[in-house]
Amino acid sequence: MACFLVSGAEAVVVTAVRSAVKKSEMAKGVIDEEGNQITDPAEDGICWYRKLSWLMNMLWGGALLLAIEHIWHGEVVPWPPFLTAMQTPDEIPVMLGEMATIGVGMAVLVTAVWLVMTLVADYAAKHAGPKLLAKEA
């Protein structure tokens, strides 16, 4: 019904945080104006701007795909109130329940996958980086 709104709301928050992190990391000299990391990931790890970009893309992509799926099944329509579950007062608690269970569950799962992904990427950057550079020389 409206579970995609939870991922969409998290994506909005992550996008705002990413913007603040970009300004902070630019001031510290970690990234340039385009968001490219200037520091060595093998020493400092992958910058937070890049990590948050991964999460942002995962959340926006998931929210978009779920919205398309809900449009396809007629649960989202182009006229007010836009969500068919809001047309009758009896369906609103069901919709909120779905958002609280399915929507939050999906958002938490995506965030957990992202967290594991960032840990693996940082480990790989710190441990594989010097070995790769030594092989090239």
N, C-alpha and C. Protein backbone atom coordinates (compact mmCIF):
# COMPACT_ATOMS: atom_id res chain seq x y z
N MET A 1 0.81 -1.20 0.00
CA MET A 1 0.00 0.00 0.00
C MET A 1 0.86 1.26 0.00
N ALA A 2 1.66 1.44 1.04
CA ALA A 2 2.47 2.66 1.12
C ALA A 2 3.82 2.39 1.77
N CYS A 3 4.27 1.15 1.73
CA CYS A 3 5.54 0.81 2.39
C CYS A 3 6.72 1.55 1.77
N PHE A 4 6.61 1.92 0.50
CA PHE A 4 7.71 2.63 -0.17
C PHE A 4 7.94 4.01 0.41
N LEU A 5 6.96 4.56 1.11
CA LEU A 5 7.12 5.89 1.71
C LEU A 5 8.15 5.87 2.84
N VAL A 6 8.31 4.74 3.52
CA VAL A 6 9.30 4.65 4.59
C VAL A 6 10.71 4.73 4.02
N SER A 7 10.98 3.95 2.98
CA SER A 7 12.29 4.02 2.32
C SER A 7 12.52 5.40 1.72
N GLY A 8 11.47 5.97 1.16
CA GLY A 8 11.58 7.32 0.59
C GLY A 8 11.90 8.36 1.65
N ALA A 9 11.28 8.24 2.82
CA ALA A 9 11.56 9.19 3.91
C ALA A 9 12.99 9.03 4.41
N GLU A 10 13.44 7.78 4.54
CA GLU A 10 14.84 7.57 4.95
C GLU A 10 15.78 8.11 3.89
N ALA A 11 15.43 7.95 2.63
CA ALA A 11 16.28 8.46 1.54
C ALA A 11 16.39 9.98 1.60
N VAL A 12 15.31 10.66 1.94
CA VAL A 12 15.34 12.13 2.07
C VAL A 12 16.30 12.53 3.19
N VAL A 13 16.22 11.84 4.33
CA VAL A 13 17.09 12.15 5.46
C VAL A 13 18.55 11.87 5.09
N VAL A 14 18.82 10.73 4.46
CA VAL A 14 20.19 10.38 4.08
C VAL A 14 20.74 11.38 3.07
N THR A 15 19.90 11.84 2.14
CA THR A 15 20.33 12.83 1.16
C THR A 15 20.74 14.14 1.84
N ALA A 16 19.97 14.56 2.84
CA ALA A 16 20.30 15.78 3.57
C ALA A 16 21.60 15.61 4.37
N VAL A 17 21.74 14.46 5.04
CA VAL A 17 22.95 14.19 5.81
C VAL A 17 24.16 14.13 4.88
N ARG A 18 24.00 13.50 3.73
CA ARG A 18 25.10 13.40 2.75
C ARG A 18 25.57 14.77 2.31
N SER A 19 24.63 15.70 2.12
CA SER A 19 24.98 17.05 1.73
C SER A 19 25.82 17.74 2.82
N ALA A 20 25.42 17.55 4.08
CA ALA A 20 26.19 18.14 5.19
C ALA A 20 27.56 17.49 5.30
N VAL A 21 27.63 16.18 5.11
CA VAL A 21 28.91 15.47 5.18
C VAL A 21 29.83 15.92 4.05
N LYS A 22 29.26 16.19 2.88
CA LYS A 22 30.08 16.66 1.76
C LYS A 22 30.76 17.98 2.11
N LYS A 23 30.02 18.89 2.70
CA LYS A 23 30.60 20.18 3.09
C LYS A 23 31.70 19.98 4.13
N SER A 24 31.43 19.11 5.09
CA SER A 24 32.41 18.85 6.15
C SER A 24 33.67 18.20 5.60
N GLU A 25 33.52 17.20 4.75
CA GLU A 25 34.69 16.51 4.20
C GLU A 25 35.45 17.39 3.20
N MET A 26 34.75 18.27 2.52
CA MET A 26 35.46 19.21 1.64
C MET A 26 36.32 20.16 2.48
N ALA A 27 35.78 20.61 3.61
CA ALA A 27 36.52 21.52 4.48
C ALA A 27 37.74 20.84 5.09
N LYS A 28 37.64 19.54 5.34
CA LYS A 28 38.76 18.78 5.91
C LYS A 28 39.76 18.32 4.86
N GLY A 29 39.43 18.50 3.58
CA GLY A 29 40.33 18.09 2.51
C GLY A 29 40.27 16.61 2.19
N VAL A 30 39.16 15.97 2.51
CA VAL A 30 39.00 14.55 2.24
C VAL A 30 38.50 14.32 0.82
N ILE A 31 37.60 15.20 0.35
CA ILE A 31 37.04 15.08 -0.99
C ILE A 31 37.16 16.42 -1.71
N ASP A 32 37.06 16.37 -3.05
CA ASP A 32 37.06 17.61 -3.82
C ASP A 32 35.62 18.06 -4.06
N GLU A 33 35.43 19.09 -4.87
CA GLU A 33 34.10 19.64 -5.09
C GLU A 33 33.15 18.69 -5.80
N GLU A 34 33.69 17.77 -6.60
CA GLU A 34 32.85 16.79 -7.30
C GLU A 34 32.52 15.58 -6.42
N GLY A 35 33.10 15.52 -5.24
CA GLY A 35 32.85 14.40 -4.35
C GLY A 35 33.85 13.27 -4.49
N ASN A 36 34.92 13.48 -5.26
CA ASN A 36 35.97 12.47 -5.40
C ASN A 36 36.89 12.49 -4.19
N GLN A 37 37.23 11.33 -3.70
CA GLN A 37 38.08 11.24 -2.52
C GLN A 37 39.51 11.61 -2.88
N ILE A 38 40.08 12.53 -2.10
CA ILE A 38 41.44 13.00 -2.31
C ILE A 38 42.41 12.17 -1.46
N THR A 39 41.99 11.82 -0.25
CA THR A 39 42.86 11.06 0.65
C THR A 39 42.96 9.61 0.18
N ASP A 40 43.94 8.90 0.71
CA ASP A 40 44.18 7.51 0.32
C ASP A 40 43.23 6.58 1.07
N PRO A 41 42.33 5.88 0.36
CA PRO A 41 41.43 4.96 1.04
C PRO A 41 42.15 3.82 1.75
N ALA A 42 43.35 3.46 1.29
CA ALA A 42 44.11 2.40 1.94
C ALA A 42 44.56 2.81 3.34
N GLU A 43 44.70 4.10 3.57
CA GLU A 43 45.11 4.57 4.89
C GLU A 43 43.93 5.04 5.72
N ASP A 44 43.03 5.80 5.12
CA ASP A 44 41.96 6.44 5.86
C ASP A 44 40.61 5.75 5.73
N GLY A 45 40.51 4.76 4.86
CA GLY A 45 39.21 4.16 4.59
C GLY A 45 38.46 4.98 3.56
N ILE A 46 37.34 4.46 3.14
CA ILE A 46 36.51 5.15 2.15
C ILE A 46 35.77 6.29 2.84
N CYS A 47 35.70 7.43 2.18
CA CYS A 47 35.08 8.61 2.78
C CYS A 47 33.58 8.39 3.01
N TRP A 48 33.06 9.10 4.01
CA TRP A 48 31.65 8.95 4.36
C TRP A 48 30.73 9.47 3.27
N TYR A 49 31.17 10.46 2.53
CA TYR A 49 30.35 10.97 1.43
C TYR A 49 30.04 9.86 0.43
N ARG A 50 31.04 9.07 0.09
CA ARG A 50 30.85 7.96 -0.86
C ARG A 50 29.96 6.89 -0.23
N LYS A 51 30.20 6.56 1.03
CA LYS A 51 29.39 5.54 1.71
C LYS A 51 27.93 5.96 1.78
N LEU A 52 27.69 7.21 2.12
CA LEU A 52 26.31 7.68 2.18
C LEU A 52 25.68 7.75 0.79
N SER A 53 26.49 7.97 -0.23
CA SER A 53 25.97 7.94 -1.61
C SER A 53 25.46 6.55 -1.95
N TRP A 54 26.18 5.52 -1.50
CA TRP A 54 25.73 4.14 -1.74
C TRP A 54 24.37 3.90 -1.08
N LEU A 55 24.25 4.30 0.19
CA LEU A 55 22.98 4.11 0.90
C LEU A 55 21.86 4.92 0.24
N MET A 56 22.16 6.15 -0.11
CA MET A 56 21.16 6.99 -0.76
C MET A 56 20.65 6.36 -2.05
N ASN A 57 21.57 5.86 -2.87
CA ASN A 57 21.17 5.23 -4.13
C ASN A 57 20.35 3.96 -3.90
N MET A 58 20.73 3.18 -2.90
CA MET A 58 19.98 1.96 -2.59
C MET A 58 18.56 2.31 -2.15
N LEU A 59 18.43 3.31 -1.29
CA LEU A 59 17.11 3.69 -0.77
C LEU A 59 16.23 4.32 -1.85
N TRP A 60 16.78 5.27 -2.61
CA TRP A 60 15.98 5.90 -3.67
C TRP A 60 15.58 4.88 -4.73
N GLY A 61 16.51 3.99 -5.09
CA GLY A 61 16.19 2.97 -6.08
C GLY A 61 15.09 2.03 -5.60
N GLY A 62 15.20 1.59 -4.35
CA GLY A 62 14.17 0.71 -3.79
C GLY A 62 12.82 1.40 -3.69
N ALA A 63 12.81 2.64 -3.24
CA ALA A 63 11.56 3.39 -3.12
C ALA A 63 10.91 3.58 -4.50
N LEU A 64 11.74 3.89 -5.50
CA LEU A 64 11.21 4.08 -6.86
C LEU A 64 10.62 2.78 -7.41
N LEU A 65 11.36 1.68 -7.25
CA LEU A 65 10.84 0.40 -7.75
C LEU A 65 9.56 -0.02 -7.04
N LEU A 66 9.50 0.20 -5.73
CA LEU A 66 8.28 -0.14 -4.99
C LEU A 66 7.12 0.76 -5.40
N ALA A 67 7.40 2.03 -5.64
CA ALA A 67 6.35 2.94 -6.09
C ALA A 67 5.80 2.49 -7.44
N ILE A 68 6.68 2.11 -8.35
CA ILE A 68 6.24 1.62 -9.66
C ILE A 68 5.40 0.36 -9.50
N GLU A 69 5.83 -0.54 -8.61
CA GLU A 69 5.06 -1.77 -8.37
C GLU A 69 3.68 -1.44 -7.81
N HIS A 70 3.60 -0.48 -6.89
CA HIS A 70 2.30 -0.11 -6.32
C HIS A 70 1.42 0.60 -7.35
N ILE A 71 2.01 1.38 -8.23
CA ILE A 71 1.24 2.00 -9.31
C ILE A 71 0.70 0.91 -10.24
N TRP A 72 1.55 -0.05 -10.56
CA TRP A 72 1.18 -1.15 -11.45
C TRP A 72 -0.03 -1.92 -10.91
N HIS A 73 -0.07 -2.11 -9.59
CA HIS A 73 -1.16 -2.86 -8.98
C HIS A 73 -2.34 -1.97 -8.58
N GLY A 74 -2.31 -0.70 -8.94
CA GLY A 74 -3.43 0.18 -8.71
C GLY A 74 -3.57 0.68 -7.28
N GLU A 75 -2.51 0.54 -6.48
CA GLU A 75 -2.58 1.01 -5.10
C GLU A 75 -2.21 2.48 -4.98
N VAL A 76 -1.56 3.02 -6.00
CA VAL A 76 -1.24 4.45 -6.07
C VAL A 76 -1.86 4.96 -7.36
N VAL A 77 -2.60 6.05 -7.24
CA VAL A 77 -3.33 6.61 -8.39
C VAL A 77 -2.96 8.08 -8.56
N PRO A 78 -3.15 8.66 -9.74
CA PRO A 78 -2.75 10.05 -9.97
C PRO A 78 -3.75 11.09 -9.49
N TRP A 79 -4.73 10.74 -8.71
CA TRP A 79 -5.69 11.70 -8.17
C TRP A 79 -5.74 11.56 -6.65
N PRO A 80 -6.10 12.66 -5.98
CA PRO A 80 -6.15 12.63 -4.51
C PRO A 80 -7.14 11.58 -4.01
N PRO A 81 -6.85 10.93 -2.96
CA PRO A 81 -5.74 11.05 -2.02
C PRO A 81 -4.48 10.27 -2.43
N PHE A 82 -4.36 9.87 -3.66
CA PHE A 82 -3.19 9.22 -4.28
C PHE A 82 -2.98 7.78 -3.82
N LEU A 83 -3.20 7.49 -2.55
CA LEU A 83 -3.10 6.12 -2.06
C LEU A 83 -4.52 5.58 -1.92
N THR A 84 -4.81 4.49 -2.59
CA THR A 84 -6.17 3.93 -2.54
C THR A 84 -6.53 3.49 -1.13
N ALA A 85 -5.55 3.20 -0.29
CA ALA A 85 -5.82 2.80 1.08
C ALA A 85 -6.37 3.95 1.92
N MET A 86 -6.25 5.17 1.44
CA MET A 86 -6.75 6.32 2.20
C MET A 86 -8.15 6.74 1.77
N GLN A 87 -8.77 6.01 0.87
CA GLN A 87 -10.09 6.39 0.39
C GLN A 87 -11.18 6.13 1.42
N THR A 88 -10.98 5.14 2.26
CA THR A 88 -11.94 4.88 3.33
C THR A 88 -11.21 4.86 4.67
N PRO A 89 -11.82 5.38 5.70
CA PRO A 89 -11.16 5.43 7.01
C PRO A 89 -10.80 4.04 7.57
N ASP A 90 -11.51 3.01 7.16
CA ASP A 90 -11.23 1.67 7.66
C ASP A 90 -9.89 1.12 7.16
N GLU A 91 -9.43 1.59 6.03
CA GLU A 91 -8.19 1.07 5.45
C GLU A 91 -6.94 1.79 5.94
N ILE A 92 -7.09 2.95 6.56
CA ILE A 92 -5.93 3.73 7.00
C ILE A 92 -5.12 2.99 8.07
N PRO A 93 -5.74 2.40 9.09
CA PRO A 93 -4.93 1.64 10.06
C PRO A 93 -4.18 0.46 9.44
N VAL A 94 -4.79 -0.18 8.45
CA VAL A 94 -4.13 -1.28 7.76
C VAL A 94 -2.90 -0.76 7.02
N MET A 95 -3.05 0.37 6.36
CA MET A 95 -1.93 0.98 5.63
C MET A 95 -0.81 1.37 6.60
N LEU A 96 -1.16 1.99 7.71
CA LEU A 96 -0.14 2.39 8.68
C LEU A 96 0.55 1.17 9.29
N GLY A 97 -0.21 0.11 9.49
CA GLY A 97 0.38 -1.13 9.99
C GLY A 97 1.37 -1.72 9.00
N GLU A 98 1.02 -1.67 7.72
CA GLU A 98 1.94 -2.17 6.69
C GLU A 98 3.20 -1.32 6.64
N MET A 99 3.04 -0.02 6.75
CA MET A 99 4.21 0.86 6.75
C MET A 99 5.10 0.58 7.95
N ALA A 100 4.49 0.32 9.11
CA ALA A 100 5.26 0.08 10.33
C ALA A 100 5.96 -1.27 10.32
N THR A 101 5.40 -2.25 9.65
CA THR A 101 6.02 -3.57 9.65
C THR A 101 6.85 -3.80 8.39
N ILE A 102 6.20 -3.81 7.25
CA ILE A 102 6.89 -4.11 5.99
C ILE A 102 7.84 -2.97 5.60
N GLY A 103 7.36 -1.74 5.63
CA GLY A 103 8.19 -0.60 5.23
C GLY A 103 9.42 -0.42 6.11
N VAL A 104 9.21 -0.45 7.42
CA VAL A 104 10.34 -0.30 8.34
C VAL A 104 11.28 -1.49 8.22
N GLY A 105 10.72 -2.68 8.09
CA GLY A 105 11.55 -3.88 7.93
C GLY A 105 12.45 -3.81 6.71
N MET A 106 11.88 -3.37 5.59
CA MET A 106 12.69 -3.25 4.36
C MET A 106 13.76 -2.17 4.51
N ALA A 107 13.40 -1.05 5.11
CA ALA A 107 14.38 0.04 5.29
C ALA A 107 15.51 -0.40 6.21
N VAL A 108 15.18 -1.13 7.27
CA VAL A 108 16.20 -1.62 8.19
C VAL A 108 17.09 -2.65 7.48
N LEU A 109 16.50 -3.52 6.69
CA LEU A 109 17.28 -4.52 5.96
C LEU A 109 18.24 -3.86 4.97
N VAL A 110 17.76 -2.88 4.22
CA VAL A 110 18.62 -2.17 3.27
C VAL A 110 19.77 -1.48 4.00
N THR A 111 19.47 -0.86 5.13
CA THR A 111 20.50 -0.17 5.90
C THR A 111 21.50 -1.16 6.48
N ALA A 112 21.04 -2.32 6.92
CA ALA A 112 21.94 -3.35 7.44
C ALA A 112 22.86 -3.89 6.34
N VAL A 113 22.30 -4.12 5.17
CA VAL A 113 23.12 -4.57 4.04
C VAL A 113 24.16 -3.51 3.69
N TRP A 114 23.75 -2.26 3.70
CA TRP A 114 24.69 -1.16 3.43
C TRP A 114 25.80 -1.13 4.48
N LEU A 115 25.45 -1.32 5.74
CA LEU A 115 26.44 -1.29 6.80
C LEU A 115 27.48 -2.40 6.60
N VAL A 116 27.03 -3.60 6.31
CA VAL A 116 27.96 -4.71 6.05
C VAL A 116 28.81 -4.39 4.82
N MET A 117 28.17 -3.84 3.79
CA MET A 117 28.87 -3.49 2.56
C MET A 117 29.98 -2.46 2.82
N THR A 118 29.71 -1.47 3.67
CA THR A 118 30.73 -0.46 3.96
C THR A 118 31.88 -1.05 4.77
N LEU A 119 31.57 -1.95 5.69
CA LEU A 119 32.63 -2.60 6.47
C LEU A 119 33.53 -3.44 5.57
N VAL A 120 32.92 -4.19 4.67
CA VAL A 120 33.70 -5.01 3.73
C VAL A 120 34.53 -4.12 2.80
N ALA A 121 33.93 -3.05 2.30
CA ALA A 121 34.64 -2.15 1.39
C ALA A 121 35.82 -1.47 2.09
N ASP A 122 35.62 -1.03 3.34
CA ASP A 122 36.72 -0.42 4.09
C ASP A 122 37.83 -1.44 4.35
N TYR A 123 37.46 -2.65 4.71
CA TYR A 123 38.45 -3.70 4.94
C TYR A 123 39.25 -3.97 3.66
N ALA A 124 38.53 -4.08 2.56
CA ALA A 124 39.19 -4.35 1.28
C ALA A 124 40.10 -3.20 0.88
N ALA A 125 39.66 -1.96 1.10
CA ALA A 125 40.47 -0.80 0.73
C ALA A 125 41.73 -0.71 1.58
N LYS A 126 41.61 -1.05 2.86
CA LYS A 126 42.77 -0.93 3.75
C LYS A 126 43.74 -2.10 3.61
N HIS A 127 43.23 -3.28 3.26
CA HIS A 127 44.10 -4.45 3.23
C HIS A 127 44.54 -4.85 1.82
N ALA A 128 43.72 -4.62 0.83
CA ALA A 128 44.09 -5.01 -0.53
C ALA A 128 44.83 -3.89 -1.25
N GLY A 129 44.62 -2.65 -0.84
CA GLY A 129 45.23 -1.51 -1.51
C GLY A 129 46.74 -1.57 -1.59
N PRO A 130 47.46 -1.73 -0.47
CA PRO A 130 48.93 -1.78 -0.54
C PRO A 130 49.43 -2.96 -1.35
N LYS A 131 48.77 -4.08 -1.29
CA LYS A 131 49.19 -5.26 -2.05
C LYS A 131 49.05 -5.00 -3.55
N LEU A 132 47.97 -4.36 -3.95
CA LEU A 132 47.77 -4.06 -5.35
C LEU A 132 48.81 -3.06 -5.85
N LEU A 133 49.12 -2.08 -5.02
CA LEU A 133 50.12 -1.09 -5.41
C LEU A 133 51.50 -1.72 -5.51
N ALA A 134 51.81 -2.67 -4.63
CA ALA A 134 53.11 -3.33 -4.67
C ALA A 134 53.26 -4.18 -5.93
N LYS A 135 52.18 -4.79 -6.40
CA LYS A 135 52.24 -5.62 -7.59
C LYS A 135 52.45 -4.78 -8.85
N GLU A 136 51.91 -3.56 -8.85
CA GLU A 136 52.05 -2.69 -10.00
C GLU A 136 53.47 -2.16 -10.15
N ALA A 137 54.17 -1.99 -9.04
CA ALA A 137 55.50 -1.40 -9.08
C ALA A 137 56.57 -2.33 -9.54
